[in-house]
Amino acid sequence: MDKHQVLIRLIGVVTLVIGAAQVTTAVTCYYCTDEPGWFNYDPDCADYSYNGTTQTRDGYNACYIDMYIDGFMWRGVHIGPGHDDGDCYYEWYYTECYCIGDYCNTESYCSQCHTTIEVNTLTTTNPPPPTTDETTFPSTTSPISLTCYHCVGCSSIDSSTPVISDASYQSCVMTVILNSGNVIRDGSYDQHPDGECVEYMDVLSCWCSSSICNNIEI
């Protein structure tokens, strides 16, 4: 065997060793459903801050939350094409949203979804701001937290209905699964005109801009 052949074989061996030493990506996601009868059933799966069963899969980096029109929720590792953090996928019977990173598929009801479709605004337009020549200065006060109802399967509300507050919330949202009547209430980090509603695939979402305004009873 000449020196050239030896060199080629050495290069091949080094390549295999480097390839074997590479660490594949892996992600750990919450893994459950609150739909009875499934092997990963957990009655607490729909809790906003779910912190239960997890699953780790090599070769993936995204977690998902599925919101079904019958009111059930699924969480798990997304096995398929890559998605950006916050992406949404729609079918007529469910909405799926994605997040990137370990344990990210909690503290969300996919409230960022349904925001790219043509909207119908239910309220009157706001008057234009008055013109002024006065110099304005940025406010030094801390942002005020917006408080919203957040729950699944809550067509009505009372003093025991959970609420959540966050200074980063831009609106409160109420989502109705039209063919089942299931209601989801949450805060949203997306800014919407007060009273804006979107209907898509039997899912109606409406946003409002004051604390606990997502209080309409169905």
Protein backbone atom coordinates (compact mmCIF):
# COMPACT_ATOMS: atom_id res chain seq x y z
CA MET A 1 0.00 0.00 0.00
CA ASP A 2 1.56 3.30 -1.06
CA LYS A 3 1.63 6.46 1.03
CA HIS A 4 -1.24 7.98 -0.96
CA GLN A 5 -3.61 5.10 -0.12
CA VAL A 6 -2.56 5.18 3.55
CA LEU A 7 -3.34 8.92 3.70
CA ILE A 8 -6.78 8.42 2.14
CA ARG A 9 -7.63 5.72 4.69
CA LEU A 10 -6.42 7.85 7.58
CA ILE A 11 -8.58 10.75 6.40
CA GLY A 12 -11.57 8.38 6.26
CA VAL A 13 -10.97 7.11 9.79
CA VAL A 14 -10.59 10.64 11.19
CA THR A 15 -13.83 11.70 9.48
CA LEU A 16 -15.71 8.78 11.04
CA VAL A 17 -14.31 9.53 14.49
CA ILE A 18 -15.25 13.21 14.23
CA GLY A 19 -18.73 12.30 13.03
CA ALA A 20 -19.25 9.87 15.89
CA ALA A 21 -18.09 12.45 18.41
CA GLN A 22 -20.60 15.07 17.28
CA VAL A 23 -23.46 15.56 19.75
CA THR A 24 -26.91 15.60 18.19
CA THR A 25 -29.39 18.21 19.30
CA ALA A 26 -32.05 17.16 21.74
CA VAL A 27 -35.06 18.85 23.30
CA THR A 28 -37.12 18.13 26.41
CA CYS A 29 -40.78 19.08 26.26
CA TYR A 30 -43.83 18.63 28.43
CA TYR A 31 -45.67 15.55 27.18
CA CYS A 32 -49.34 14.99 28.00
CA THR A 33 -52.97 15.25 27.02
CA ASP A 34 -56.06 15.80 29.13
CA GLU A 35 -58.09 13.62 26.76
CA PRO A 36 -58.95 10.39 28.66
CA GLY A 37 -57.93 7.05 27.21
CA TRP A 38 -54.48 7.98 25.90
CA PHE A 39 -51.26 6.54 27.35
CA ASN A 40 -49.93 10.02 28.16
CA TYR A 41 -53.17 11.15 29.84
CA ASP A 42 -52.78 13.70 32.60
CA PRO A 43 -55.91 15.52 33.86
CA ASP A 44 -53.73 18.55 34.67
CA CYS A 45 -52.38 18.88 31.10
CA ALA A 46 -54.54 21.91 30.34
CA ASP A 47 -53.24 23.84 33.36
CA TYR A 48 -51.75 27.12 32.19
CA SER A 49 -48.49 26.52 34.09
CA TYR A 50 -48.30 22.77 33.53
CA ASN A 51 -45.18 21.25 35.11
CA GLY A 52 -45.64 17.49 34.83
CA THR A 53 -44.57 14.67 32.54
CA THR A 54 -41.77 15.36 30.05
CA GLN A 55 -40.29 13.69 26.99
CA THR A 56 -36.76 14.07 25.53
CA ARG A 57 -36.05 13.38 21.85
CA ASP A 58 -32.75 13.57 20.01
CA GLY A 59 -32.49 15.44 16.73
CA TYR A 60 -35.24 18.01 17.37
CA ASN A 61 -35.44 21.45 18.99
CA ALA A 62 -39.13 22.42 19.06
CA CYS A 63 -42.03 21.71 21.41
CA TYR A 64 -45.72 22.06 20.57
CA ILE A 65 -49.08 22.77 22.14
CA ASP A 66 -52.25 21.54 20.40
CA MET A 67 -55.59 23.19 21.17
CA TYR A 68 -58.44 21.01 19.85
CA ILE A 69 -61.92 22.25 19.06
CA ASP A 70 -63.41 19.72 21.50
CA GLY A 71 -61.53 21.47 24.32
CA PHE A 72 -58.70 18.98 24.83
CA MET A 73 -55.01 19.92 24.88
CA TRP A 74 -51.86 18.05 23.87
CA ARG A 75 -48.22 18.91 24.58
CA GLY A 76 -45.09 17.22 23.24
CA VAL A 77 -41.95 17.24 21.09
CA HIS A 78 -42.51 18.44 17.54
CA ILE A 79 -41.22 15.75 15.16
CA GLY A 80 -41.12 17.20 11.68
CA PRO A 81 -39.96 20.25 9.70
CA GLY A 82 -38.34 23.06 11.64
CA HIS A 83 -40.37 25.96 12.98
CA ASP A 84 -39.54 29.36 14.40
CA ASP A 85 -40.47 30.24 17.95
CA GLY A 86 -44.13 31.28 18.05
CA ASP A 87 -45.15 29.73 14.72
CA CYS A 88 -48.73 28.51 14.36
CA TYR A 89 -50.31 25.74 12.28
CA TYR A 90 -54.03 25.48 11.61
CA GLU A 91 -56.37 22.60 10.82
CA TRP A 92 -60.13 22.79 10.96
CA TYR A 93 -60.21 20.79 14.19
CA TYR A 94 -57.17 22.15 16.05
CA THR A 95 -54.54 24.87 16.30
CA GLU A 96 -50.91 23.98 16.95
CA CYS A 97 -48.25 26.42 18.14
CA TYR A 98 -44.52 25.87 18.45
CA CYS A 99 -41.74 27.08 20.71
CA ILE A 100 -37.99 26.54 20.72
CA GLY A 101 -36.12 25.21 23.75
CA ASP A 102 -36.48 22.86 26.68
CA TYR A 103 -39.72 22.99 28.72
CA CYS A 104 -41.07 25.88 26.63
CA ASN A 105 -44.53 24.41 25.93
CA THR A 106 -46.18 25.68 29.10
CA GLU A 107 -47.64 29.00 30.29
CA SER A 108 -49.31 29.46 26.92
CA TYR A 109 -52.66 28.80 25.29
CA CYS A 110 -51.34 29.66 21.79
CA SER A 111 -52.70 33.18 22.17
CA GLN A 112 -50.26 34.44 19.52
CA CYS A 113 -52.13 32.49 16.83
CA HIS A 114 -54.95 33.76 14.60
CA THR A 115 -53.18 37.11 14.11
CA THR A 116 -52.26 37.04 10.41
CA ILE A 117 -55.75 36.80 8.94
CA GLU A 118 -57.94 39.66 7.73
CA VAL A 119 -59.78 41.00 10.75
CA ASN A 120 -63.19 42.45 11.57
CA THR A 121 -63.16 45.32 14.06
CA LEU A 122 -66.27 45.53 16.23
CA THR A 123 -65.62 48.89 17.89
CA THR A 124 -65.62 52.40 16.51
CA THR A 125 -62.34 53.94 15.46
CA ASN A 126 -60.49 56.08 17.97
CA PRO A 127 -60.32 59.84 17.31
CA PRO A 128 -56.98 61.16 16.05
CA PRO A 129 -54.66 62.52 18.74
CA PRO A 130 -54.62 66.31 19.13
CA THR A 131 -51.76 68.18 17.55
CA THR A 132 -49.41 70.09 19.80
CA ASP A 133 -46.15 71.94 19.56
CA GLU A 134 -45.17 71.17 23.12
CA THR A 135 -42.04 69.15 23.72
CA THR A 136 -42.78 65.75 25.24
CA PHE A 137 -40.47 63.67 27.35
CA PRO A 138 -40.42 59.90 27.78
CA SER A 139 -42.20 58.59 30.82
CA THR A 140 -40.06 57.34 33.67
CA THR A 141 -42.87 55.40 35.34
CA SER A 142 -42.88 51.61 35.32
CA PRO A 143 -45.21 49.89 32.83
CA ILE A 144 -48.58 48.90 34.25
CA SER A 145 -49.36 45.20 34.19
CA LEU A 146 -52.42 44.14 32.24
CA THR A 147 -54.53 41.58 34.08
CA CYS A 148 -56.54 39.03 32.09
CA TYR A 149 -58.67 36.01 32.83
CA HIS A 150 -56.80 32.84 31.87
CA CYS A 151 -58.58 29.52 31.78
CA VAL A 152 -59.71 26.71 29.47
CA GLY A 153 -63.31 25.56 29.26
CA CYS A 154 -64.68 28.62 31.05
CA SER A 155 -67.78 29.83 29.23
CA SER A 156 -68.72 31.81 32.35
CA ILE A 157 -66.60 33.54 34.98
CA ASP A 158 -66.89 34.34 38.65
CA SER A 159 -64.71 35.40 41.56
CA SER A 160 -62.81 32.06 41.45
CA THR A 161 -61.82 32.31 37.77
CA PRO A 162 -57.99 32.45 37.50
CA VAL A 163 -56.36 35.68 36.34
CA ILE A 164 -52.83 36.45 35.21
CA SER A 165 -50.91 39.74 35.08
CA ASP A 166 -47.93 40.72 32.96
CA ALA A 167 -46.46 44.12 32.12
CA SER A 168 -45.64 42.76 28.66
CA TYR A 169 -49.24 41.91 27.79
CA GLN A 170 -50.63 44.14 25.04
CA SER A 171 -54.20 42.83 25.19
CA CYS A 172 -56.49 40.21 26.68
CA VAL A 173 -57.96 37.57 24.40
CA MET A 174 -60.99 35.30 24.47
CA THR A 175 -61.09 32.38 22.02
CA VAL A 176 -64.28 30.43 21.29
CA ILE A 177 -64.26 27.04 19.53
CA LEU A 178 -67.48 27.57 17.63
CA ASN A 179 -68.62 24.01 16.99
CA SER A 180 -68.05 22.90 20.59
CA GLY A 181 -68.62 26.14 22.52
CA ASN A 182 -65.36 25.71 24.41
CA VAL A 183 -63.92 29.02 25.65
CA ILE A 184 -60.27 29.91 26.30
CA ARG A 185 -59.28 33.16 28.02
CA ASP A 186 -55.71 34.44 28.23
CA GLY A 187 -53.35 37.39 27.96
CA SER A 188 -51.66 38.21 24.66
CA TYR A 189 -48.28 39.75 23.88
CA ASP A 190 -49.64 40.96 20.51
CA GLN A 191 -51.16 44.42 20.18
CA HIS A 192 -54.68 44.56 18.74
CA PRO A 193 -57.33 47.26 18.43
CA ASP A 194 -59.79 47.09 21.29
CA GLY A 195 -62.68 44.87 20.14
CA GLU A 196 -60.90 43.27 17.19
CA CYS A 197 -62.18 39.78 16.35
CA VAL A 198 -60.93 37.10 13.95
CA GLU A 199 -62.86 34.02 12.85
CA TYR A 200 -60.84 31.22 11.25
CA MET A 201 -61.55 27.51 10.86
CA ASP A 202 -64.44 27.49 13.40
CA VAL A 203 -62.29 29.41 15.90
CA LEU A 204 -63.25 32.94 16.94
CA SER A 205 -60.73 35.10 18.84
CA CYS A 206 -61.47 38.56 20.21
CA TRP A 207 -59.03 40.98 21.86
CA CYS A 208 -59.53 43.89 24.27
CA SER A 209 -57.15 46.33 25.87
CA SER A 210 -58.15 46.84 29.51
CA SER A 211 -57.71 44.64 32.57
CA ILE A 212 -60.02 41.58 32.85
CA CYS A 213 -61.91 42.76 29.79
CA ASN A 214 -62.03 39.23 28.33
CA ASN A 215 -65.05 38.60 30.54
CA ILE A 216 -67.85 38.07 28.03
CA GLU A 217 -69.96 35.07 29.01
CA ILE A 218 -71.05 32.63 26.32
